[in-house]
């Protein structure tokens, strides 16, 4: 049977258990994403509260990414040697504990340490979740799966970020972290009860002891095709992480949107993102993942250039701009994740996803720190050189689009044998 015939014979709809897995993983991703994203809208109040500079705030954001990347690299050698559910639960519990420490941190130094702890565990959670997706769903369904899971970003905006901002405004910036701990604990119970053990990959796993784990890691990071994918992932992460840390500060200082209006902006933007995420996932499965990615890249680049040059802007216009930008970003992230999931063989999926997460986190950390050095924030004045940041992001988007073309040429052959 040909590869195309084999793929066409695969089911085109979700089973009841697959629907359950999608819901569980989307719920999990909601808590992990919210933990990372909550720092950006808190930046406008966290910096004056702790008396820190934009460079120090960029370091707080990037500390999570750096520690997550290091943990992902260390975990890669062992990622295919355990039941994926047990691996997921171990790191998720550590993530919840780290987030609790963030909520209890009274100083910049302790917050920085807490973010490092949280990143060590949270960085592996995402890679374990995507390895589960690859094990449970065939390639022609993964666009839809990624589209649903990506709604966790929007849900964190609609439910988490406005609630977090409200709690921070009512009490202080510590309160949102306690919210995440409460929601995350509930998510952990749901995962423990509903998710079945995932052990099919153990029949061909290559990592059984520390020595074998090291060999498994070396084999993963020396595979030429994998290296090409990791390089693409590095640039893919750069764009988003560079704009994210200063989004709320730019909205308040440059667009002159009031702090009390930010929750509504995130709410409306998130609603639009939730509505479009699953649609983009279906389109990427139907029209092709690469064409969807390229179209998303064009839209994102155009909006980024326009957005980073804005001055005072009405709230309604800002919501429209943010919505279009998020749709463009989703049109890049959803098909790219689906394409990348088709690269590794079953016995290397955990390691591949862990290293890919490591590369993504480290690249994002470097990007966030670099953004802190590019952007200038005078006392209470508009952010400066944000337009320069936009040009850097667009350059990364363009290069990534070219690299993704080469990835797309290799995925069908690899996916047909996995």
Protein backbone atom coordinates (compact mmCIF):
# COMPACT_ATOMS: atom_id res chain seq x y z
CA UNK A 1 0.00 0.00 0.00
CA UNK A 2 1.35 3.46 -0.88
CA UNK A 3 2.00 6.09 1.75
CA UNK A 4 -0.84 8.22 0.49
CA UNK A 5 -3.25 5.29 0.46
CA UNK A 6 -2.17 4.31 3.95
CA UNK A 7 -2.73 7.82 5.23
CA UNK A 8 -6.11 8.13 3.53
CA UNK A 9 -7.18 4.91 5.26
CA UNK A 10 -6.57 6.52 8.65
CA UNK A 11 -9.67 7.75 10.55
CA UNK A 12 -10.61 11.33 9.78
CA UNK A 13 -12.57 12.01 12.97
CA UNK A 14 -11.78 11.82 16.68
CA UNK A 15 -12.71 8.81 18.77
CA UNK A 16 -14.35 9.47 22.16
CA UNK A 17 -11.03 8.85 23.95
CA UNK A 18 -9.15 11.13 21.54
CA UNK A 19 -11.65 13.89 22.27
CA UNK A 20 -10.98 13.35 25.97
CA UNK A 21 -7.21 13.52 25.44
CA UNK A 22 -7.52 16.77 23.48
CA UNK A 23 -9.62 18.34 26.23
CA UNK A 24 -7.26 17.19 28.99
CA UNK A 25 -4.12 18.42 27.21
CA UNK A 26 -5.74 21.75 26.31
CA UNK A 27 -6.68 22.19 29.98
CA UNK A 28 -3.10 21.42 31.01
CA UNK A 29 -1.64 23.78 28.44
CA UNK A 30 -3.97 26.50 29.69
CA UNK A 31 -2.31 26.48 33.12
CA UNK A 32 1.26 26.27 31.80
CA UNK A 33 0.74 29.01 29.21
CA UNK A 34 -1.06 31.23 31.70
CA UNK A 35 1.86 30.92 34.12
CA UNK A 36 4.23 32.21 31.47
CA UNK A 37 1.96 34.81 29.87
CA UNK A 38 0.78 36.37 33.11
CA UNK A 39 4.12 38.10 33.59
CA UNK A 40 3.70 40.24 30.47
CA UNK A 41 0.50 42.06 31.50
CA UNK A 42 1.82 42.28 35.05
CA UNK A 43 4.94 44.06 33.82
CA UNK A 44 3.40 47.52 33.97
CA UNK A 45 2.77 47.14 37.74
CA UNK A 46 5.53 44.67 38.65
CA UNK A 47 8.42 46.88 37.50
CA UNK A 48 7.53 49.87 39.70
CA UNK A 49 6.45 47.60 42.57
CA UNK A 50 9.83 45.87 42.76
CA UNK A 51 11.78 48.89 41.54
CA UNK A 52 13.37 47.01 38.66
CA UNK A 53 14.54 48.08 35.20
CA UNK A 54 13.32 46.74 31.82
CA UNK A 55 16.54 44.73 31.65
CA UNK A 56 15.79 43.08 35.00
CA UNK A 57 12.20 42.42 33.98
CA UNK A 58 13.39 40.86 30.73
CA UNK A 59 15.64 38.61 32.83
CA UNK A 60 12.69 37.49 34.97
CA UNK A 61 10.85 36.50 31.80
CA UNK A 62 13.86 34.84 30.22
CA UNK A 63 14.88 32.99 33.43
CA UNK A 64 11.88 30.71 33.03
CA UNK A 65 12.81 30.05 29.42
CA UNK A 66 16.49 29.38 30.13
CA UNK A 67 15.78 26.95 32.97
CA UNK A 68 13.04 25.25 30.94
CA UNK A 69 15.44 24.81 28.05
CA UNK A 70 18.16 23.31 30.25
CA UNK A 71 15.69 20.93 31.91
CA UNK A 72 14.30 19.84 28.55
CA UNK A 73 17.77 19.01 27.29
CA UNK A 74 18.59 16.94 30.40
CA UNK A 75 15.23 15.14 30.26
CA UNK A 76 15.55 14.30 26.56
CA UNK A 77 17.68 11.21 27.12
CA UNK A 78 15.10 9.68 29.48
CA UNK A 79 11.92 10.96 27.84
CA UNK A 80 11.28 7.76 25.86
CA UNK A 81 12.02 5.35 28.73
CA UNK A 82 8.90 5.94 30.84
CA UNK A 83 5.15 5.89 30.60
CA UNK A 84 4.43 9.31 29.12
CA UNK A 85 1.58 9.86 31.59
CA UNK A 86 3.88 9.32 34.60
CA UNK A 87 6.52 11.61 33.10
CA UNK A 88 3.89 14.28 32.50
CA UNK A 89 2.50 14.06 36.03
CA UNK A 90 5.93 14.26 37.68
CA UNK A 91 6.94 17.45 35.92
CA UNK A 92 3.48 18.99 36.19
CA UNK A 93 3.50 18.59 39.97
CA UNK A 94 6.90 20.31 40.09
CA UNK A 95 5.53 23.10 37.94
CA UNK A 96 2.65 23.72 40.38
CA UNK A 97 5.08 23.88 43.33
CA UNK A 98 7.32 26.34 41.48
CA UNK A 99 4.33 28.57 40.69
CA UNK A 100 3.40 28.57 44.37
CA UNK A 101 6.90 29.83 45.16
CA UNK A 102 6.35 32.68 42.64
CA UNK A 103 3.23 33.71 44.53
CA UNK A 104 5.12 33.72 47.83
CA UNK A 105 8.19 35.62 46.54
CA UNK A 106 8.53 39.04 48.26
CA UNK A 107 11.58 40.33 46.35
CA UNK A 108 13.02 40.46 42.85
CA UNK A 109 15.76 37.96 43.72
CA UNK A 110 13.34 35.41 45.15
CA UNK A 111 10.95 35.86 42.23
CA UNK A 112 13.83 35.24 39.84
CA UNK A 113 14.74 32.04 41.73
CA UNK A 114 11.11 30.89 41.76
CA UNK A 115 10.82 31.43 38.00
CA UNK A 116 13.90 29.26 37.50
CA UNK A 117 12.34 26.45 39.56
CA UNK A 118 9.05 26.76 37.70
CA UNK A 119 10.80 26.68 34.34
CA UNK A 120 12.76 23.54 35.21
CA UNK A 121 9.50 21.62 35.47
CA UNK A 122 7.16 23.57 33.22
CA UNK A 123 9.50 23.36 30.24
CA UNK A 124 9.22 19.58 30.11
CA UNK A 125 5.43 19.54 30.51
CA UNK A 126 4.82 20.94 27.04
CA UNK A 127 7.16 18.51 25.28
CA UNK A 128 5.58 15.55 27.10
CA UNK A 129 2.13 16.74 26.06
CA UNK A 130 3.11 17.06 22.39
CA UNK A 131 4.73 13.61 22.45
CA UNK A 132 1.39 12.27 23.67
CA UNK A 133 -0.39 14.05 20.81
CA UNK A 134 1.96 12.44 18.30
CA UNK A 135 1.41 8.99 19.83
CA UNK A 136 -2.38 9.24 19.91
CA UNK A 137 -3.26 11.12 16.70
CA UNK A 138 -2.34 10.44 13.03
CA UNK A 139 -0.80 13.24 10.97
CA UNK A 140 -4.00 14.15 9.12
CA UNK A 141 -5.73 14.95 12.42
CA UNK A 142 -2.88 16.84 14.09
CA UNK A 143 -3.72 20.22 12.59
CA UNK A 144 -7.12 20.05 14.26
CA UNK A 145 -5.55 18.85 17.51
CA UNK A 146 -3.00 21.66 17.53
CA UNK A 147 -5.75 24.13 16.68
CA UNK A 148 -7.75 23.08 19.72
CA UNK A 149 -4.73 23.01 22.03
CA UNK A 150 -3.70 26.45 20.79
CA UNK A 151 -7.01 27.78 22.09
CA UNK A 152 -5.35 27.43 25.49
CA UNK A 153 -3.47 30.63 24.61
CA UNK A 154 -6.73 32.42 23.95
CA UNK A 155 -8.44 30.89 26.98
CA UNK A 156 -5.61 32.11 29.18
CA UNK A 157 -6.31 35.60 27.83
CA UNK A 158 -10.08 35.42 28.26
CA UNK A 159 -10.27 33.66 31.62
CA UNK A 160 -6.83 33.87 33.19
CA UNK A 161 -5.19 37.16 32.29
CA UNK A 162 -8.19 39.46 32.92
CA UNK A 163 -8.87 37.64 36.19
CA UNK A 164 -5.19 37.84 37.09
CA UNK A 165 -5.08 41.57 36.33
CA UNK A 166 -8.21 42.12 38.41
CA UNK A 167 -6.70 40.22 41.36
CA UNK A 168 -3.39 42.07 40.96
CA UNK A 169 -5.17 45.43 40.90
CA UNK A 170 -7.28 44.53 43.94
CA UNK A 171 -4.41 43.08 46.00
CA UNK A 172 -0.96 42.91 44.35
CA UNK A 173 0.98 41.11 41.64
CA UNK A 174 1.39 37.95 43.77
CA UNK A 175 -2.33 37.08 43.61
CA UNK A 176 -2.47 35.76 40.00
CA UNK A 177 0.10 33.07 40.81
CA UNK A 178 -2.13 31.72 43.57
CA UNK A 179 -4.95 31.58 41.01
CA UNK A 180 -2.75 29.48 38.72
CA UNK A 181 -1.89 27.10 41.56
CA UNK A 182 -5.58 26.54 42.31
CA UNK A 183 -6.53 25.97 38.66
CA UNK A 184 -3.40 23.88 38.07
CA UNK A 185 -4.12 21.57 40.98
CA UNK A 186 -7.56 20.89 39.50
CA UNK A 187 -5.98 20.20 36.11
CA UNK A 188 -3.58 17.72 37.72
CA UNK A 189 -6.45 15.77 39.26
CA UNK A 190 -8.27 15.63 35.92
CA UNK A 191 -5.15 14.33 34.16
CA UNK A 192 -4.44 11.70 36.81
CA UNK A 193 -7.99 10.35 36.67
CA UNK A 194 -8.76 10.44 32.94
CA UNK A 195 -5.53 9.91 31.00
CA UNK A 196 -4.60 6.29 30.25
CA UNK A 197 -0.99 5.05 30.50
CA UNK A 198 0.93 5.64 27.25
CA UNK A 199 3.56 2.93 26.93
CA UNK A 200 3.47 1.79 23.29
CA UNK A 201 6.77 3.52 22.56
CA UNK A 202 8.54 1.46 25.26
CA UNK A 203 8.66 -1.57 22.97
CA UNK A 204 11.24 0.22 20.85
CA UNK A 205 12.67 2.71 23.36
CA UNK A 206 16.43 3.04 23.28
CA UNK A 207 17.02 4.60 26.70
CA UNK A 208 16.99 2.15 29.64
CA UNK A 209 19.94 3.23 31.78
CA UNK A 210 21.94 6.44 32.30
CA UNK A 211 24.51 5.31 29.74
CA UNK A 212 21.86 4.46 27.19
CA UNK A 213 20.04 7.70 27.96
CA UNK A 214 23.14 9.67 27.01
CA UNK A 215 23.44 7.72 23.79
CA UNK A 216 19.78 8.32 23.02
CA UNK A 217 20.31 12.04 23.52
CA UNK A 218 23.41 12.09 21.32
CA UNK A 219 21.55 10.21 18.57
CA UNK A 220 18.73 12.72 18.72
CA UNK A 221 20.86 15.87 18.56
CA UNK A 222 23.12 14.48 15.83
CA UNK A 223 20.34 13.50 13.40
CA UNK A 224 20.64 15.93 10.43
CA UNK A 225 16.89 16.15 9.87
CA UNK A 226 16.26 16.76 13.55
CA UNK A 227 18.93 19.48 13.60
CA UNK A 228 17.20 21.20 10.70
CA UNK A 229 13.93 21.12 12.63
CA UNK A 230 15.58 22.45 15.80
CA UNK A 231 17.11 25.38 13.91
CA UNK A 232 13.69 26.24 12.47
CA UNK A 233 12.11 26.02 15.93
CA UNK A 234 14.74 28.40 17.31
CA UNK A 235 13.81 31.15 14.86
CA UNK A 236 10.10 30.41 15.20
CA UNK A 237 10.31 31.14 18.92
CA UNK A 238 12.28 34.35 18.47
CA UNK A 239 9.47 36.48 17.06
CA UNK A 240 6.86 35.80 19.73
CA UNK A 241 9.20 36.05 22.70
CA UNK A 242 10.64 39.38 21.62
CA UNK A 243 7.33 41.25 21.55
CA UNK A 244 5.61 39.50 24.46
CA UNK A 245 7.48 40.86 27.52
CA UNK A 246 6.73 44.51 26.79
CA UNK A 247 3.24 44.17 25.29
CA UNK A 248 1.37 45.60 28.26
CA UNK A 249 3.92 48.38 28.86
CA UNK A 250 3.74 49.38 25.17
CA UNK A 251 -0.07 49.40 25.33
CA UNK A 252 -0.09 51.64 28.40
CA UNK A 253 2.80 53.98 27.58
CA UNK A 254 2.66 54.24 23.79
CA UNK A 255 -0.91 53.36 22.81
CA UNK A 256 -2.15 55.16 25.96
CA UNK A 257 -4.57 52.42 26.91
CA UNK A 258 -5.42 52.61 30.60
CA UNK A 259 -4.50 49.80 32.96
CA UNK A 260 -8.17 49.37 33.75
CA UNK A 261 -8.88 48.82 30.04
CA UNK A 262 -6.24 46.13 29.51
CA UNK A 263 -8.43 43.25 30.78
CA UNK A 264 -11.12 44.13 28.21
CA UNK A 265 -8.51 44.27 25.44
CA UNK A 266 -7.20 40.81 26.36
CA UNK A 267 -10.76 39.51 26.72
CA UNK A 268 -11.91 40.59 23.26
CA UNK A 269 -8.69 39.49 21.60
CA UNK A 270 -8.87 36.12 23.32
CA UNK A 271 -12.48 35.55 22.26
CA UNK A 272 -11.50 36.08 18.64
CA UNK A 273 -8.51 33.74 19.03
CA UNK A 274 -10.65 30.96 20.52
CA UNK A 275 -13.05 31.23 17.61
CA UNK A 276 -10.35 31.13 14.94
CA UNK A 277 -7.92 28.55 16.41
CA UNK A 278 -9.92 25.40 15.56
CA UNK A 279 -10.79 26.86 12.15
CA UNK A 280 -7.11 27.39 11.35
CA UNK A 281 -6.39 23.81 12.49
CA UNK A 282 -8.99 22.41 10.09
CA UNK A 283 -7.75 24.59 7.25
CA UNK A 284 -4.17 23.42 7.80
CA UNK A 285 -5.34 19.79 7.52
CA UNK A 286 -7.49 20.54 4.47
CA UNK A 287 -5.48 23.10 2.50
CA UNK A 288 -1.99 22.11 3.61
CA UNK A 289 0.11 22.97 6.60
CA UNK A 290 2.83 24.82 4.69
CA UNK A 291 0.48 27.13 2.73
CA UNK A 292 -1.32 27.96 5.98
CA UNK A 293 1.99 28.71 7.68
CA UNK A 294 3.20 30.98 4.87
CA UNK A 295 -0.09 32.90 4.80
CA UNK A 296 0.11 33.35 8.58
CA UNK A 297 3.69 34.59 8.28
CA UNK A 298 2.72 37.27 5.74
CA UNK A 299 -0.16 38.50 7.89
CA UNK A 300 1.93 38.51 11.07
CA UNK A 301 4.83 40.39 9.49
CA UNK A 302 2.55 43.08 8.07
CA UNK A 303 0.72 43.64 11.35
CA UNK A 304 3.93 43.64 13.43
CA UNK A 305 5.40 46.43 11.32
CA UNK A 306 2.22 48.48 11.67
CA UNK A 307 1.76 47.72 15.39
CA UNK A 308 5.30 48.57 16.49
CA UNK A 309 5.07 52.04 14.88
CA UNK A 310 1.80 53.00 16.56
CA UNK A 311 1.25 55.98 18.85
CA UNK A 312 -1.89 56.78 20.86
CA UNK A 313 -4.59 54.44 19.60
CA UNK A 314 -8.32 54.04 20.40
CA UNK A 315 -9.14 50.87 22.29
CA UNK A 316 -11.39 49.54 19.50
CA UNK A 317 -8.61 49.93 16.93
CA UNK A 318 -6.09 48.29 19.27
CA UNK A 319 -8.38 45.29 19.76
CA UNK A 320 -8.72 44.88 15.99
CA UNK A 321 -4.96 45.09 15.47
CA UNK A 322 -4.23 42.63 18.27
CA UNK A 323 -6.85 40.23 16.93
CA UNK A 324 -5.42 40.17 13.42
CA UNK A 325 -1.91 39.74 14.82
CA UNK A 326 -2.98 36.80 16.99
CA UNK A 327 -4.75 35.15 14.05
CA UNK A 328 -1.52 35.47 12.07
CA UNK A 329 0.50 34.02 14.94
CA UNK A 330 -1.92 31.10 15.30
CA UNK A 331 -1.69 30.48 11.55
CA UNK A 332 2.04 30.02 12.05
CA UNK A 333 2.08 28.05 15.29
CA UNK A 334 -0.66 25.51 14.56
CA UNK A 335 0.60 24.17 11.19
CA UNK A 336 4.26 24.38 12.24
CA UNK A 337 3.61 22.24 15.33
CA UNK A 338 1.70 19.73 13.21
CA UNK A 339 4.54 19.58 10.68
CA UNK A 340 7.21 19.17 13.34
CA UNK A 341 5.28 16.32 14.98
CA UNK A 342 5.69 14.25 11.82
CA UNK A 343 9.49 14.28 11.91
CA UNK A 344 10.59 11.91 14.74
CA UNK A 345 10.21 8.14 14.76
CA UNK A 346 8.05 6.68 17.60
CA UNK A 347 11.05 5.63 19.69
CA UNK A 348 12.51 9.15 19.53
CA UNK A 349 9.39 11.28 19.92
CA UNK A 350 9.90 12.07 23.59
CA UNK A 351 13.55 13.00 23.08
CA UNK A 352 12.80 15.03 19.95
CA UNK A 353 10.00 16.96 21.64
CA UNK A 354 12.15 17.56 24.75
CA UNK A 355 15.09 18.91 22.75
CA UNK A 356 12.72 20.93 20.56
CA UNK A 357 11.18 22.43 23.71
CA UNK A 358 14.68 23.11 25.01
CA UNK A 359 15.62 24.94 21.82
CA UNK A 360 12.36 26.87 21.85
CA UNK A 361 12.74 27.94 25.46
CA UNK A 362 16.40 28.91 25.15
CA UNK A 363 15.74 30.84 21.95
CA UNK A 364 12.79 32.55 23.58
CA UNK A 365 14.89 33.40 26.62
CA UNK A 366 17.60 34.93 24.48
CA UNK A 367 14.97 36.83 22.50
CA UNK A 368 13.29 38.18 25.66
CA UNK A 369 16.62 39.27 27.11
CA UNK A 370 17.64 40.86 23.79
CA UNK A 371 14.33 42.73 23.66
CA UNK A 372 15.13 44.15 27.08
CA UNK A 373 18.35 45.60 25.71
CA UNK A 374 16.76 46.95 22.52
CA UNK A 375 13.81 48.67 24.16
CA UNK A 376 14.41 51.87 26.13
CA UNK A 377 11.89 52.79 28.83
CA UNK A 378 12.24 56.38 30.14
CA UNK A 379 10.60 57.14 33.47
CA UNK A 380 6.85 56.93 32.82
CA UNK A 381 7.41 57.88 29.17
CA UNK A 382 6.68 55.99 25.93
CA UNK A 383 8.88 52.98 25.16
CA UNK A 384 11.54 53.82 22.59
CA UNK A 385 13.04 51.67 19.78
CA UNK A 386 9.98 49.41 19.74
CA UNK A 387 9.91 49.92 15.96
CA UNK A 388 13.44 48.49 15.74
CA UNK A 389 12.22 45.48 17.68
CA UNK A 390 9.48 45.04 15.06
CA UNK A 391 12.01 44.95 12.22
CA UNK A 392 14.02 42.24 14.01
CA UNK A 393 10.88 40.16 14.51
CA UNK A 394 9.88 40.45 10.84
CA UNK A 395 13.36 39.37 9.72
CA UNK A 396 13.03 36.25 11.90
CA UNK A 397 9.57 35.54 10.44
CA UNK A 398 10.88 35.74 6.86
CA UNK A 399 13.84 33.44 7.48
CA UNK A 400 11.65 30.94 9.33
CA UNK A 401 9.22 30.76 6.40
CA UNK A 402 12.05 29.77 4.06
CA UNK A 403 13.34 27.14 6.48
CA UNK A 404 9.85 25.69 6.93
CA UNK A 405 9.65 25.00 3.19
CA UNK A 406 12.54 22.54 3.53
CA UNK A 407 10.93 20.94 6.60
CA UNK A 408 7.65 20.43 4.73
CA UNK A 409 9.46 18.59 1.94
CA UNK A 410 10.73 15.96 4.38
CA UNK A 411 7.73 15.44 6.65
CA UNK A 412 5.46 13.29 4.40
CA UNK A 413 8.11 10.54 3.97
CA UNK A 414 8.92 10.50 7.68
CA UNK A 415 5.29 10.67 8.75
CA UNK A 416 4.27 7.74 6.57
CA UNK A 417 6.60 5.38 8.42
CA UNK A 418 5.87 6.65 11.92
